[in-house]
Amino acid sequence: MPVLRDISFLWSMFHVILIFLLFFEPRYSWRTTFLAGLAGGGTLLVVNVMAMFWFGHGIIMNIAFFTCTIPTLILFFILSRFRDGRFFFLFCLCDTSCFWLLQLTNFLDRLAGDTYVVLLISRLLLFPVTELLIWRYLRAPYLVLQRELGHGWWLFAAIGATYYLLMLFTSVPVDTPMPGPAGLARIFLVLLLMPLTYTTILHSLWGQMKFYENLRQMDLQRRDYNTLRQKMELGRLYRHDMRHHLLALEGMLQKQDSSTALAYIQELDGRMSSLVQRDWCEHAAVNSVLAAYLAQAEEAGLATEAQVRLPAQVPHSEMDLCIVLSNALENAILACREIPEGPRQIRLSLSLTENQRLTIEVENSCPTPVEFGADGLPLRSTREKSPFSEEHGLGLRSVKAIVEQCGGLLRCSWEEGTFTFRAVLFPAPQPSPGRQAARLKPWGQ
């Protein structure tokens, strides 16, 4: 029944866009994005349906690249937040994956006798199941990957485009004769290599992201080590000069000038106390982050206050925790540095509750009111005195993805000259074998 074939085609077109939107990050609000996508997608749907009506269903596979792929690419490129290799890779990934599903359901229907019943039923089932798997296992880590890794995508986008064209030229449209054994073998190899290739690509990209995060942590530890080394060197110099200090004190006491001797001792004690390396908590990685950023804040002349209660072991990913804390402190320091005059202070509260929930709260001076978007994050602005410039606050989107991934809570607010960042990270449940790959080791790692 041709009507089943046409229904399955329309159903597939709708879900191709839906799968793309699961990974898509818009430049504008989701409301604007949905309205524009609905208008553009509806227009393309009408055009393709009319083409099917005039020229038959088989014409779609011949003109789909020009009537579906190119217009959709242009539409979502305009709406996309990322206008680089990340967008083109995502577009090729979604289009090729959906093309793969179309070919699979087409062959299943051919094996069942070309009745279009299997074609329709298999597509009605496979597309929602695919979207459910994406939502549960792939969406959150992919969003983190897309936000954190800003380069290295163009080569993989070119590979995805090549696979798309390869599948386009080797596909067997509905209502066309099946190829011979050699043709079927080529099609089978393309269908087999496509998921293997994308798994390898995603695995490689995830490895790159973790590599750069490790470099960032190493840089924090290096700065912590350099600070400690400088203080040790100053301590060595003070110990060398201690004999001179004692002789000076002896002379003051012999003259019974106790007030001058006391002032001298207090000044010397203040200098010596600055040599003590501050241990903020027992957690080594978090301690390195705090030592680096709080020292940076103090060097910038910012008043800092920190209350940290964290044991050596916490039931949270070390990388996730450091990303959240680093972004919150870095944004606070940047915001305070942009204040030309007036009080500039940062307050930090970090603790692990009895029910193993980790709470992070960072407050910083921010005299300029902050506007928030629909996602609850500060809107970026190009205004000269805005506390959120093009660079500032970008990391909060990565933080939001991490917090959502672990089922936590994130809230940003501004009130009476103070910007407040609050995050709660819930302990990660023990992963079952089927879900273990969904967290920090996705895509075959």
Protein backbone atom coordinates (compact mmCIF):
# COMPACT_ATOMS: atom_id res chain seq x y z
CA MET A 1 0.00 0.00 0.00
CA PRO A 2 1.73 3.23 -1.15
CA VAL A 3 0.00 5.22 1.58
CA LEU A 4 2.01 3.27 4.21
CA ARG A 5 5.19 4.09 2.35
CA ASP A 6 4.35 7.80 2.26
CA ILE A 7 3.38 7.88 5.94
CA SER A 8 6.67 6.21 6.87
CA PHE A 9 8.58 8.82 4.85
CA LEU A 10 6.84 11.76 6.56
CA TRP A 11 7.37 10.14 9.96
CA SER A 12 11.07 9.73 9.18
CA MET A 13 11.49 13.36 8.10
CA PHE A 14 9.99 14.58 11.37
CA HIS A 15 12.29 12.41 13.47
CA VAL A 16 15.43 13.37 11.56
CA ILE A 17 14.89 16.94 12.77
CA LEU A 18 13.94 15.77 16.27
CA ILE A 19 17.15 13.73 16.67
CA PHE A 20 19.16 16.72 15.50
CA LEU A 21 17.47 18.98 18.07
CA LEU A 22 18.41 16.59 20.89
CA PHE A 23 22.06 17.57 20.38
CA PHE A 24 21.50 21.09 19.01
CA GLU A 25 22.42 24.25 20.93
CA PRO A 26 20.60 27.32 19.56
CA ARG A 27 21.95 30.83 19.26
CA TYR A 28 18.52 32.25 20.04
CA SER A 29 15.84 31.20 22.53
CA TRP A 30 14.27 27.77 22.12
CA ARG A 31 10.94 29.45 21.36
CA THR A 32 12.43 31.34 18.42
CA THR A 33 14.30 28.24 17.32
CA PHE A 34 11.20 26.05 17.38
CA LEU A 35 9.11 28.58 15.49
CA ALA A 36 11.78 29.04 12.83
CA GLY A 37 12.38 25.30 12.62
CA LEU A 38 8.65 24.62 12.36
CA ALA A 39 8.23 27.17 9.60
CA GLY A 40 11.26 25.98 7.65
CA GLY A 41 10.58 22.29 8.22
CA GLY A 42 6.94 22.70 7.27
CA THR A 43 7.88 24.42 4.03
CA LEU A 44 10.34 21.65 3.15
CA LEU A 45 7.74 19.03 4.00
CA VAL A 46 5.21 20.60 1.65
CA VAL A 47 7.78 20.86 -1.14
CA ASN A 48 8.81 17.21 -0.80
CA VAL A 49 5.25 15.94 -0.54
CA MET A 50 4.34 17.84 -3.71
CA ALA A 51 7.40 16.37 -5.43
CA MET A 52 6.28 12.87 -4.37
CA PHE A 53 2.78 13.58 -5.66
CA TRP A 54 3.98 14.84 -9.06
CA PHE A 55 6.95 12.57 -9.74
CA GLY A 56 6.42 9.53 -7.54
CA HIS A 57 8.07 8.42 -4.27
CA GLY A 58 11.27 7.27 -5.93
CA ILE A 59 12.17 10.82 -6.93
CA ILE A 60 12.83 11.75 -3.29
CA MET A 61 16.05 9.75 -3.00
CA ASN A 62 17.36 11.50 -6.11
CA ILE A 63 16.54 15.05 -5.06
CA ALA A 64 16.68 14.75 -1.22
CA PHE A 65 20.17 16.26 -1.08
CA PHE A 66 18.86 19.47 -2.70
CA THR A 67 15.31 19.58 -1.29
CA CYS A 68 16.05 18.37 2.27
CA THR A 69 19.74 18.32 3.22
CA ILE A 70 21.02 21.67 1.89
CA PRO A 71 17.99 23.81 2.96
CA THR A 72 17.96 22.22 6.42
CA LEU A 73 21.71 22.78 6.81
CA ILE A 74 21.36 26.48 5.93
CA LEU A 75 18.36 26.96 8.24
CA PHE A 76 19.96 25.44 11.33
CA PHE A 77 23.36 26.99 10.61
CA ILE A 78 21.66 30.37 11.01
CA LEU A 79 20.01 29.22 14.25
CA SER A 80 23.06 27.43 15.69
CA ARG A 81 25.17 28.72 18.55
CA PHE A 82 28.24 27.00 17.07
CA ARG A 83 29.11 28.06 13.53
CA ASP A 84 32.21 25.96 13.05
CA GLY A 85 33.17 22.31 12.71
CA ARG A 86 30.97 21.38 15.65
CA PHE A 87 27.81 22.28 13.74
CA PHE A 88 28.80 20.50 10.54
CA PHE A 89 29.90 17.39 12.42
CA LEU A 90 26.59 17.26 14.31
CA PHE A 91 24.62 17.75 11.11
CA CYS A 92 26.49 14.94 9.35
CA LEU A 93 26.22 12.69 12.42
CA CYS A 94 22.43 13.05 12.67
CA ASP A 95 21.73 12.94 8.96
CA THR A 96 23.94 9.91 8.37
CA SER A 97 22.55 8.06 11.40
CA CYS A 98 18.98 8.63 10.25
CA PHE A 99 19.93 7.64 6.71
CA TRP A 100 21.33 4.44 8.20
CA LEU A 101 18.01 3.73 9.91
CA LEU A 102 16.13 4.39 6.67
CA GLN A 103 18.27 1.91 4.78
CA LEU A 104 17.95 -0.70 7.53
CA THR A 105 14.14 -0.47 7.59
CA ASN A 106 14.07 -0.50 3.79
CA PHE A 107 15.97 -3.81 3.67
CA LEU A 108 13.77 -5.29 6.39
CA ASP A 109 10.71 -4.47 4.30
CA ARG A 110 12.37 -5.98 1.22
CA LEU A 111 12.94 -9.22 3.12
CA ALA A 112 9.25 -9.23 4.16
CA GLY A 113 8.05 -8.94 0.57
CA ASP A 114 7.83 -5.20 -0.20
CA THR A 115 4.47 -4.73 1.48
CA TYR A 116 5.45 -1.44 3.22
CA VAL A 117 3.88 -2.79 6.42
CA VAL A 118 7.27 -3.72 7.89
CA LEU A 119 8.68 -0.43 6.57
CA LEU A 120 6.11 1.60 8.49
CA ILE A 121 6.11 -0.47 11.71
CA SER A 122 9.90 -0.65 11.94
CA ARG A 123 10.25 3.11 11.48
CA LEU A 124 7.44 3.81 13.95
CA LEU A 125 9.41 1.80 16.53
CA LEU A 126 13.08 2.39 15.72
CA PHE A 127 13.07 6.19 15.63
CA PRO A 128 11.49 6.67 19.11
CA VAL A 129 13.71 3.93 20.57
CA THR A 130 16.77 5.65 19.09
CA GLU A 131 15.70 8.99 20.58
CA LEU A 132 15.16 7.40 23.98
CA LEU A 133 18.66 5.87 23.92
CA ILE A 134 20.15 9.20 22.85
CA TRP A 135 18.35 11.02 25.66
CA ARG A 136 19.46 8.55 28.33
CA TYR A 137 23.02 7.76 27.29
CA LEU A 138 24.43 10.17 24.69
CA ARG A 139 22.86 13.62 24.96
CA ALA A 140 24.41 14.80 28.24
CA PRO A 141 28.01 13.69 27.54
CA TYR A 142 27.80 14.98 23.97
CA LEU A 143 26.64 18.43 25.13
CA VAL A 144 29.56 18.58 27.57
CA LEU A 145 31.93 17.50 24.81
CA GLN A 146 30.51 20.06 22.38
CA ARG A 147 30.83 22.91 24.87
CA GLU A 148 34.23 22.04 26.31
CA LEU A 149 36.10 21.10 23.13
CA GLY A 150 36.21 24.01 20.71
CA HIS A 151 38.62 22.64 18.10
CA GLY A 152 39.45 19.41 16.31
CA TRP A 153 36.01 19.01 14.71
CA TRP A 154 36.62 19.92 11.07
CA LEU A 155 38.43 16.71 10.15
CA PHE A 156 35.70 14.58 11.68
CA ALA A 157 33.03 16.72 9.99
CA ALA A 158 34.71 15.99 6.66
CA ILE A 159 34.64 12.26 7.46
CA GLY A 160 30.93 12.51 8.32
CA ALA A 161 30.18 14.36 5.07
CA THR A 162 32.05 11.71 3.10
CA TYR A 163 30.03 8.95 4.75
CA TYR A 164 26.81 10.80 4.03
CA LEU A 165 27.65 11.07 0.32
CA LEU A 166 28.81 7.45 0.27
CA MET A 167 25.50 6.27 1.71
CA LEU A 168 23.60 8.56 -0.63
CA PHE A 169 25.24 7.04 -3.71
CA THR A 170 25.13 3.42 -2.52
CA SER A 171 21.57 3.46 -1.11
CA VAL A 172 18.72 1.52 -2.65
CA PRO A 173 15.55 3.68 -2.71
CA VAL A 174 12.13 2.22 -2.12
CA ASP A 175 10.50 0.81 -5.24
CA THR A 176 13.81 0.30 -7.06
CA PRO A 177 15.33 -3.09 -7.96
CA MET A 178 17.78 -4.65 -5.54
CA PRO A 179 21.42 -4.71 -6.69
CA GLY A 180 23.39 -7.87 -7.27
CA PRO A 181 25.59 -9.64 -4.70
CA ALA A 182 28.52 -7.25 -5.23
CA GLY A 183 26.27 -4.21 -4.78
CA LEU A 184 24.70 -5.67 -1.65
CA ALA A 185 28.14 -6.39 -0.23
CA ARG A 186 29.20 -2.77 -0.74
CA ILE A 187 26.04 -1.50 0.90
CA PHE A 188 26.48 -3.88 3.84
CA LEU A 189 30.09 -2.74 4.39
CA VAL A 190 29.07 0.93 4.33
CA LEU A 191 26.27 0.27 6.82
CA LEU A 192 28.69 -1.65 9.06
CA LEU A 193 31.53 0.88 8.92
CA MET A 194 29.38 3.94 9.59
CA PRO A 195 28.53 3.24 13.29
CA LEU A 196 32.04 1.91 13.91
CA THR A 197 33.57 5.08 12.50
CA TYR A 198 31.35 7.43 14.50
CA THR A 199 32.01 5.48 17.69
CA THR A 200 35.74 5.86 17.08
CA ILE A 201 35.37 9.59 16.34
CA LEU A 202 33.36 10.30 19.50
CA HIS A 203 35.77 8.22 21.54
CA SER A 204 38.67 10.25 20.15
CA LEU A 205 36.96 13.59 20.82
CA TRP A 206 36.13 12.58 24.38
CA GLY A 207 39.75 11.59 24.90
CA GLN A 208 40.89 14.99 23.63
CA MET A 209 38.57 16.77 26.02
CA LYS A 210 39.83 14.78 29.01
CA PHE A 211 43.42 15.42 27.88
CA TYR A 212 42.86 19.19 27.90
CA GLU A 213 41.11 18.98 31.25
CA ASN A 214 44.12 17.10 32.63
CA LEU A 215 46.40 19.81 31.26
CA ARG A 216 44.26 22.39 33.01
CA GLN A 217 44.53 20.51 36.30
CA MET A 218 48.28 20.15 35.84
CA ASP A 219 48.54 23.90 35.27
CA LEU A 220 46.65 24.53 38.50
CA GLN A 221 48.95 22.17 40.37
CA ARG A 222 51.99 23.81 38.76
CA ARG A 223 50.86 27.24 39.92
CA ASP A 224 50.24 25.80 43.38
CA TYR A 225 53.72 24.29 43.38
CA ASN A 226 55.35 27.53 42.20
CA THR A 227 53.62 29.47 44.97
CA LEU A 228 54.80 26.94 47.54
CA ARG A 229 58.35 27.02 46.16
CA GLN A 230 58.47 30.82 46.36
CA LYS A 231 57.33 30.70 49.96
CA MET A 232 59.91 28.04 50.79
CA GLU A 233 62.62 30.23 49.26
CA LEU A 234 61.46 33.22 51.29
CA GLY A 235 61.43 31.01 54.37
CA ARG A 236 65.01 30.01 53.72
CA LEU A 237 66.02 33.66 53.44
CA TYR A 238 64.20 34.55 56.67
CA ARG A 239 65.91 31.69 58.48
CA HIS A 240 69.26 32.92 57.16
CA ASP A 241 68.49 36.42 58.47
CA MET A 242 67.15 35.20 61.81
CA ARG A 243 70.50 35.82 63.52
CA HIS A 244 70.30 39.46 62.49
CA HIS A 245 66.74 39.71 63.78
CA LEU A 246 67.76 38.25 67.14
CA LEU A 247 70.69 40.66 67.44
CA ALA A 248 68.36 43.58 66.69
CA LEU A 249 65.89 42.40 69.33
CA GLU A 250 68.70 41.89 71.83
CA GLY A 251 69.82 45.48 71.33
CA MET A 252 66.28 46.81 71.84
CA LEU A 253 65.79 44.80 75.02
CA GLN A 254 69.15 45.88 76.42
CA LYS A 255 67.97 49.46 75.96
CA GLN A 256 64.70 48.43 77.65
CA ASP A 257 62.80 49.60 74.56
CA SER A 258 60.10 46.95 74.92
CA SER A 259 57.49 48.74 72.78
CA THR A 260 59.81 48.89 69.75
CA ALA A 261 60.84 45.25 70.31
CA LEU A 262 57.17 44.17 70.45
CA ALA A 263 56.36 46.03 67.22
CA TYR A 264 59.40 44.43 65.59
CA ILE A 265 58.28 40.95 66.70
CA GLN A 266 54.73 41.53 65.41
CA GLU A 267 56.00 42.65 62.00
CA LEU A 268 58.32 39.67 61.80
CA ASP A 269 55.50 37.32 62.82
CA GLY A 270 53.27 38.73 60.06
CA ARG A 271 55.92 38.12 57.45
CA MET A 272 56.57 34.60 58.67
CA SER A 273 52.87 33.72 58.79
CA SER A 274 52.56 34.59 55.09
CA LEU A 275 54.96 31.76 54.32
CA VAL A 276 52.60 29.09 55.62
CA GLN A 277 50.96 27.18 52.76
CA ARG A 278 47.20 27.18 53.30
CA ASP A 279 45.47 23.82 53.12
CA TRP A 280 41.85 24.55 52.33
CA CYS A 281 40.64 20.96 52.53
CA GLU A 282 41.81 17.36 52.46
CA HIS A 283 40.73 16.77 48.86
CA ALA A 284 43.93 17.15 46.82
CA ALA A 285 42.41 18.25 43.49
CA VAL A 286 39.97 20.73 45.05
CA ASN A 287 42.75 22.09 47.27
CA SER A 288 44.85 22.81 44.16
CA VAL A 289 41.95 24.62 42.49
CA LEU A 290 41.24 26.72 45.58
CA ALA A 291 44.91 27.54 46.17
CA ALA A 292 45.37 28.68 42.56
CA TYR A 293 42.21 30.78 42.18
CA LEU A 294 42.10 32.29 45.67
CA ALA A 295 45.76 33.27 45.37
CA GLN A 296 44.91 34.84 42.01
CA ALA A 297 42.06 36.76 43.65
CA GLU A 298 44.28 38.03 46.45
CA GLU A 299 46.96 39.12 43.97
CA ALA A 300 44.28 41.12 42.15
CA GLY A 301 43.46 42.94 45.40
CA LEU A 302 40.13 41.20 45.96
CA ALA A 303 38.85 40.51 49.45
CA THR A 304 38.28 36.76 49.79
CA GLU A 305 36.46 34.66 52.34
CA ALA A 306 36.22 30.86 52.14
CA GLN A 307 34.51 28.24 54.25
CA VAL A 308 35.49 24.78 53.03
CA ARG A 309 34.48 21.49 54.66
CA LEU A 310 35.45 18.68 52.35
CA PRO A 311 37.01 15.28 53.14
CA ALA A 312 39.71 13.56 51.11
CA GLN A 313 37.19 11.31 49.35
CA VAL A 314 33.87 12.48 47.89
CA PRO A 315 31.24 10.48 45.95
CA HIS A 316 31.57 12.73 42.89
CA SER A 317 33.64 12.79 39.74
CA GLU A 318 36.89 14.65 40.43
CA MET A 319 36.91 16.15 36.93
CA ASP A 320 33.29 17.34 37.17
CA LEU A 321 33.85 18.86 40.60
CA CYS A 322 36.96 20.78 39.49
CA ILE A 323 35.23 22.05 36.34
CA VAL A 324 32.28 23.40 38.33
CA LEU A 325 34.46 25.00 41.01
CA SER A 326 37.02 26.43 38.55
CA ASN A 327 34.37 28.05 36.35
CA ALA A 328 32.52 29.54 39.32
CA LEU A 329 35.68 31.08 40.82
CA GLU A 330 37.07 32.20 37.47
CA ASN A 331 33.84 34.00 36.59
CA ALA A 332 33.74 35.64 40.03
CA ILE A 333 37.32 36.90 39.68
CA LEU A 334 36.68 38.24 36.17
CA ALA A 335 33.52 40.02 37.31
CA CYS A 336 35.31 41.67 40.26
CA ARG A 337 38.23 42.77 38.10
CA GLU A 338 35.82 44.66 35.83
CA ILE A 339 34.61 46.79 38.75
CA PRO A 340 36.48 50.11 38.40
CA GLU A 341 35.93 51.21 42.02
CA GLY A 342 34.15 50.24 45.19
CA PRO A 343 34.21 47.02 47.22
CA ARG A 344 35.41 43.93 45.38
CA GLN A 345 34.99 40.73 47.31
CA ILE A 346 34.42 37.01 46.80
CA ARG A 347 32.85 34.63 49.30
CA LEU A 348 33.03 30.87 48.86
CA SER A 349 31.19 28.12 50.71
CA LEU A 350 31.95 24.48 49.89
CA SER A 351 30.76 21.54 51.95
CA LEU A 352 29.65 17.91 51.83
CA THR A 353 26.43 17.22 53.73
CA GLU A 354 25.65 14.11 55.73
CA ASN A 355 23.57 12.71 52.88
CA GLN A 356 26.61 13.12 50.58
CA ARG A 357 25.29 16.12 48.70
CA LEU A 358 28.00 18.56 47.72
CA THR A 359 27.02 22.23 47.86
CA ILE A 360 28.98 25.04 46.21
CA GLU A 361 28.10 28.69 46.71
CA VAL A 362 30.16 31.57 45.31
CA GLU A 363 29.18 35.21 45.85
CA ASN A 364 30.98 38.11 44.22
CA SER A 365 30.54 41.85 43.99
CA CYS A 366 28.57 42.86 40.90
CA PRO A 367 27.11 46.38 40.96
CA THR A 368 25.63 46.11 37.43
CA PRO A 369 22.28 44.25 37.29
CA VAL A 370 22.44 40.94 35.47
CA GLU A 371 19.83 39.69 33.01
CA PHE A 372 19.09 35.99 32.85
CA GLY A 373 17.95 33.84 29.97
CA ALA A 374 15.27 31.17 29.85
CA ASP A 375 17.83 28.59 31.01
CA GLY A 376 18.54 30.57 34.19
CA LEU A 377 22.06 31.55 33.12
CA PRO A 378 23.33 35.12 32.69
CA LEU A 379 22.85 36.57 29.24
CA ARG A 380 26.06 37.54 27.50
CA SER A 381 26.27 41.17 26.51
CA THR A 382 28.58 43.36 24.49
CA ARG A 383 27.83 46.42 26.58
CA GLU A 384 30.97 48.09 27.85
CA LYS A 385 30.20 47.78 31.55
CA SER A 386 28.35 44.50 31.48
CA PRO A 387 29.66 41.98 34.03
CA PHE A 388 29.16 39.27 31.43
CA SER A 389 31.20 39.95 28.32
CA GLU A 390 31.69 37.55 25.39
CA GLU A 391 34.30 35.52 27.30
CA HIS A 392 32.87 35.81 30.79
CA GLY A 393 30.23 33.30 31.85
CA LEU A 394 30.61 30.88 28.93
CA GLY A 395 31.76 28.13 31.30
CA LEU A 396 28.44 28.24 33.12
CA ARG A 397 26.85 26.33 30.24
CA SER A 398 29.33 23.52 30.74
CA VAL A 399 28.65 23.67 34.47
CA LYS A 400 24.90 23.43 33.83
CA ALA A 401 25.42 20.36 31.64
CA ILE A 402 27.51 18.67 34.34
CA VAL A 403 25.03 19.51 37.10
CA GLU A 404 22.12 18.19 35.04
CA GLN A 405 24.08 15.07 34.15
CA CYS A 406 24.42 14.11 37.82
CA GLY A 407 20.83 15.12 38.62
CA GLY A 408 21.91 18.18 40.61
CA LEU A 409 20.62 21.73 40.94
CA LEU A 410 22.06 25.01 39.65
CA ARG A 411 20.82 28.52 40.38
CA CYS A 412 22.31 31.91 39.55
CA SER A 413 20.88 35.13 40.96
CA TRP A 414 21.63 38.83 41.37
CA GLU A 415 20.45 40.96 44.24
CA GLU A 416 21.61 44.31 45.63
CA GLY A 417 25.02 44.35 43.97
CA THR A 418 25.87 40.70 44.57
CA PHE A 419 25.92 37.86 42.05
CA THR A 420 25.37 34.42 43.59
CA PHE A 421 26.21 31.05 42.10
CA ARG A 422 24.70 28.01 43.85
CA ALA A 423 25.15 24.39 42.79
CA VAL A 424 24.23 21.12 44.45
CA LEU A 425 25.77 17.89 43.19
CA PHE A 426 24.00 14.68 44.16
CA PRO A 427 26.09 11.54 44.71
CA ALA A 428 26.37 9.40 41.62
CA PRO A 429 24.44 6.10 41.95
CA GLN A 430 26.29 2.89 41.43
CA PRO A 431 26.01 2.35 37.67
CA SER A 432 24.54 -0.85 36.36
CA PRO A 433 26.45 -2.64 33.58
CA GLY A 434 24.03 -1.28 31.01
CA ARG A 435 24.47 2.35 32.09
CA GLN A 436 28.10 2.49 33.15
CA ALA A 437 29.17 3.92 29.79
CA ALA A 438 26.81 6.86 30.03
CA ARG A 439 28.83 8.91 32.50
CA LEU A 440 32.52 9.62 31.99
CA LYS A 441 33.45 6.78 29.70
CA PRO A 442 31.03 6.87 26.80
CA TRP A 443 31.44 5.66 23.26
CA GLY A 444 33.33 2.46 23.80
CA GLN A 445 35.89 3.65 26.34
